[in-house]
Structures are given as structure tokens and as C-alpha cells.
Amino acid sequence: MARYPLVIPPKPVAEAFTKQVRPAMDRIIAGVHESRTLATLRDTLIPELISSELWVKDAEWFLKEHGP
């Protein structure tokens, strides 16, 4: 990669780009965190629900206590 030329925009252009892109990147990052939280809850609750160690009412309580 070091052989390829790299274009560095002027500071005002880079700042304008960042200003436009940052909200979308923030939403993407928030979505990744939410997805990980939901996956953890799923991986925690599903095995217990399937094995009948946990009932739906218990799962509702768990979500209220540990919520997404």
C-alpha cells in the first residue's frame, strides 16, 4: 500500500466531510452496540427458556432488571 499515492484533502474539506458523515457513523456504532446487547440477551435467555429453567414471566422480569 505504501507505493500508492495518497490524496489528503485540505482541512476545510476534511472537516466538512466529517460533519456530514459523523451522524451516520454514530448511528452505525450505536446499532452495533445494540446488536451486541441483544445477542447477549438472546444467548442468555434462549437456552434457559428451551430447557424450562426459565419461564416467560421470569424472562420479562429479567429484561426489566437487565434490559436492553
N, C-alpha and C. Protein backbone atom coordinates (compact mmCIF):
# COMPACT_ATOMS: atom_id res chain seq x y z
N MET A 1 0.82 -1.19 0.00
CA MET A 1 0.00 0.00 0.00
C MET A 1 0.86 1.25 0.00
N ALA A 2 2.07 1.17 0.54
CA ALA A 2 2.92 2.34 0.63
C ALA A 2 3.30 2.89 -0.74
N ARG A 3 3.19 2.07 -1.77
CA ARG A 3 3.54 2.51 -3.12
C ARG A 3 2.48 3.39 -3.76
N TYR A 4 1.27 3.33 -3.25
CA TYR A 4 0.17 4.05 -3.87
C TYR A 4 0.12 5.49 -3.36
N PRO A 5 -0.14 6.41 -4.27
CA PRO A 5 -0.25 7.81 -3.83
C PRO A 5 -1.50 8.00 -2.97
N LEU A 6 -1.40 8.90 -2.04
CA LEU A 6 -2.50 9.18 -1.13
C LEU A 6 -2.84 10.66 -1.23
N VAL A 7 -4.11 10.94 -1.44
CA VAL A 7 -4.55 12.32 -1.52
C VAL A 7 -5.09 12.73 -0.16
N ILE A 8 -4.56 13.81 0.37
CA ILE A 8 -5.03 14.34 1.65
C ILE A 8 -5.76 15.64 1.35
N PRO A 9 -7.05 15.68 1.70
CA PRO A 9 -7.82 16.88 1.37
C PRO A 9 -7.42 18.06 2.25
N PRO A 10 -7.71 19.25 1.79
CA PRO A 10 -7.48 20.42 2.64
C PRO A 10 -8.34 20.31 3.91
N LYS A 11 -7.88 20.91 4.98
CA LYS A 11 -8.55 20.80 6.27
C LYS A 11 -10.04 21.17 6.20
N PRO A 12 -10.45 22.26 5.52
CA PRO A 12 -11.88 22.58 5.46
C PRO A 12 -12.72 21.48 4.78
N VAL A 13 -12.14 20.85 3.76
CA VAL A 13 -12.85 19.76 3.08
C VAL A 13 -12.99 18.56 4.01
N ALA A 14 -11.92 18.23 4.70
CA ALA A 14 -11.97 17.10 5.65
C ALA A 14 -12.98 17.37 6.77
N GLU A 15 -13.01 18.59 7.28
CA GLU A 15 -13.96 18.94 8.34
C GLU A 15 -15.40 18.89 7.84
N ALA A 16 -15.64 19.36 6.61
CA ALA A 16 -16.99 19.31 6.04
C ALA A 16 -17.42 17.86 5.84
N PHE A 17 -16.52 17.02 5.37
CA PHE A 17 -16.82 15.60 5.19
C PHE A 17 -17.17 14.96 6.53
N THR A 18 -16.35 15.22 7.53
CA THR A 18 -16.59 14.67 8.86
C THR A 18 -17.94 15.12 9.40
N LYS A 19 -18.27 16.39 9.20
CA LYS A 19 -19.55 16.92 9.68
C LYS A 19 -20.73 16.20 9.02
N GLN A 20 -20.59 15.84 7.76
CA GLN A 20 -21.65 15.14 7.05
C GLN A 20 -21.74 13.67 7.42
N VAL A 21 -20.60 13.04 7.65
CA VAL A 21 -20.54 11.59 7.85
C VAL A 21 -20.73 11.18 9.31
N ARG A 22 -20.33 12.05 10.24
CA ARG A 22 -20.35 11.68 11.66
C ARG A 22 -21.71 11.18 12.15
N PRO A 23 -22.85 11.85 11.84
CA PRO A 23 -24.14 11.34 12.34
C PRO A 23 -24.43 9.91 11.88
N ALA A 24 -24.10 9.60 10.63
CA ALA A 24 -24.33 8.24 10.13
C ALA A 24 -23.42 7.25 10.85
N MET A 25 -22.18 7.62 11.05
CA MET A 25 -21.25 6.73 11.76
C MET A 25 -21.69 6.51 13.21
N ASP A 26 -22.16 7.57 13.85
CA ASP A 26 -22.66 7.43 15.23
C ASP A 26 -23.84 6.47 15.28
N ARG A 27 -24.75 6.55 14.29
CA ARG A 27 -25.89 5.61 14.25
C ARG A 27 -25.43 4.18 14.02
N ILE A 28 -24.45 4.02 13.16
CA ILE A 28 -23.92 2.67 12.90
C ILE A 28 -23.30 2.10 14.16
N ILE A 29 -22.50 2.89 14.86
CA ILE A 29 -21.86 2.42 16.09
C ILE A 29 -22.90 2.08 17.15
N ALA A 30 -23.92 2.92 17.29
CA ALA A 30 -25.00 2.64 18.25
C ALA A 30 -25.72 1.34 17.88
N GLY A 31 -25.94 1.12 16.59
CA GLY A 31 -26.59 -0.11 16.14
C GLY A 31 -25.76 -1.34 16.44
N VAL A 32 -24.45 -1.23 16.30
CA VAL A 32 -23.56 -2.35 16.61
C VAL A 32 -23.63 -2.68 18.10
N HIS A 33 -23.61 -1.65 18.94
CA HIS A 33 -23.69 -1.88 20.39
C HIS A 33 -25.04 -2.51 20.77
N GLU A 34 -26.11 -2.01 20.17
CA GLU A 34 -27.44 -2.56 20.46
C GLU A 34 -27.53 -4.01 20.00
N SER A 35 -26.97 -4.29 18.84
CA SER A 35 -26.98 -5.65 18.32
C SER A 35 -26.23 -6.61 19.24
N ARG A 36 -25.09 -6.16 19.75
CA ARG A 36 -24.32 -7.00 20.68
C ARG A 36 -25.09 -7.23 21.98
N THR A 37 -25.75 -6.19 22.48
CA THR A 37 -26.54 -6.33 23.70
C THR A 37 -27.67 -7.33 23.49
N LEU A 38 -28.38 -7.19 22.37
CA LEU A 38 -29.49 -8.10 22.08
C LEU A 38 -28.99 -9.53 21.88
N ALA A 39 -27.86 -9.71 21.24
CA ALA A 39 -27.31 -11.05 21.05
C ALA A 39 -26.95 -11.68 22.39
N THR A 40 -26.40 -10.88 23.30
CA THR A 40 -26.07 -11.39 24.63
C THR A 40 -27.32 -11.80 25.38
N LEU A 41 -28.36 -10.96 25.32
CA LEU A 41 -29.63 -11.33 25.97
C LEU A 41 -30.21 -12.60 25.36
N ARG A 42 -30.18 -12.67 24.03
CA ARG A 42 -30.69 -13.87 23.35
C ARG A 42 -29.92 -15.10 23.80
N ASP A 43 -28.60 -15.00 23.79
CA ASP A 43 -27.78 -16.16 24.15
C ASP A 43 -27.94 -16.55 25.61
N THR A 44 -28.32 -15.59 26.45
CA THR A 44 -28.55 -15.87 27.86
C THR A 44 -29.92 -16.49 28.09
N LEU A 45 -30.93 -15.95 27.43
CA LEU A 45 -32.31 -16.37 27.71
C LEU A 45 -32.76 -17.62 26.96
N ILE A 46 -32.41 -17.76 25.71
CA ILE A 46 -32.92 -18.87 24.89
C ILE A 46 -32.62 -20.24 25.51
N PRO A 47 -31.37 -20.53 25.89
CA PRO A 47 -31.12 -21.87 26.45
C PRO A 47 -31.95 -22.15 27.71
N GLU A 48 -32.14 -21.13 28.55
CA GLU A 48 -32.92 -21.33 29.76
C GLU A 48 -34.40 -21.50 29.45
N LEU A 49 -34.90 -20.79 28.45
CA LEU A 49 -36.30 -20.97 28.06
C LEU A 49 -36.53 -22.35 27.45
N ILE A 50 -35.62 -22.79 26.62
CA ILE A 50 -35.75 -24.10 25.97
C ILE A 50 -35.69 -25.22 27.00
N SER A 51 -34.83 -25.08 28.00
CA SER A 51 -34.67 -26.14 29.00
C SER A 51 -35.73 -26.04 30.11
N SER A 52 -36.62 -25.08 30.01
CA SER A 52 -37.67 -24.84 31.00
C SER A 52 -37.13 -24.40 32.35
N GLU A 53 -35.87 -23.95 32.39
CA GLU A 53 -35.34 -23.40 33.63
C GLU A 53 -35.90 -21.99 33.87
N LEU A 54 -36.38 -21.40 32.81
CA LEU A 54 -36.88 -20.04 32.87
C LEU A 54 -38.20 -19.98 32.13
N TRP A 55 -39.18 -19.32 32.73
CA TRP A 55 -40.48 -19.16 32.10
C TRP A 55 -40.57 -17.75 31.54
N VAL A 56 -41.53 -17.53 30.66
CA VAL A 56 -41.67 -16.23 30.00
C VAL A 56 -41.82 -15.10 31.03
N LYS A 57 -42.60 -15.33 32.08
CA LYS A 57 -42.75 -14.28 33.10
C LYS A 57 -41.41 -13.98 33.75
N ASP A 58 -40.60 -15.01 33.98
CA ASP A 58 -39.27 -14.80 34.53
C ASP A 58 -38.39 -14.02 33.56
N ALA A 59 -38.54 -14.33 32.27
CA ALA A 59 -37.75 -13.63 31.25
C ALA A 59 -38.16 -12.16 31.19
N GLU A 60 -39.45 -11.88 31.34
CA GLU A 60 -39.91 -10.49 31.35
C GLU A 60 -39.30 -9.75 32.53
N TRP A 61 -39.25 -10.39 33.69
CA TRP A 61 -38.62 -9.78 34.86
C TRP A 61 -37.14 -9.54 34.59
N PHE A 62 -36.47 -10.54 34.02
CA PHE A 62 -35.04 -10.42 33.70
C PHE A 62 -34.78 -9.22 32.80
N LEU A 63 -35.63 -9.05 31.79
CA LEU A 63 -35.45 -7.93 30.87
C LEU A 63 -35.68 -6.58 31.57
N LYS A 64 -36.62 -6.55 32.48
CA LYS A 64 -36.86 -5.30 33.23
C LYS A 64 -35.65 -4.97 34.09
N GLU A 65 -35.05 -6.00 34.68
CA GLU A 65 -33.91 -5.78 35.57
C GLU A 65 -32.62 -5.49 34.80
N HIS A 66 -32.40 -6.21 33.68
CA HIS A 66 -31.15 -6.14 32.95
C HIS A 66 -31.30 -5.51 31.58
N GLY A 67 -32.52 -5.12 31.25
CA GLY A 67 -32.94 -4.61 29.95
C GLY A 67 -31.91 -4.31 28.89
N PRO A 68 -32.39 -4.26 27.67
CA PRO A 68 -31.52 -3.95 26.52
C PRO A 68 -31.09 -2.51 26.52
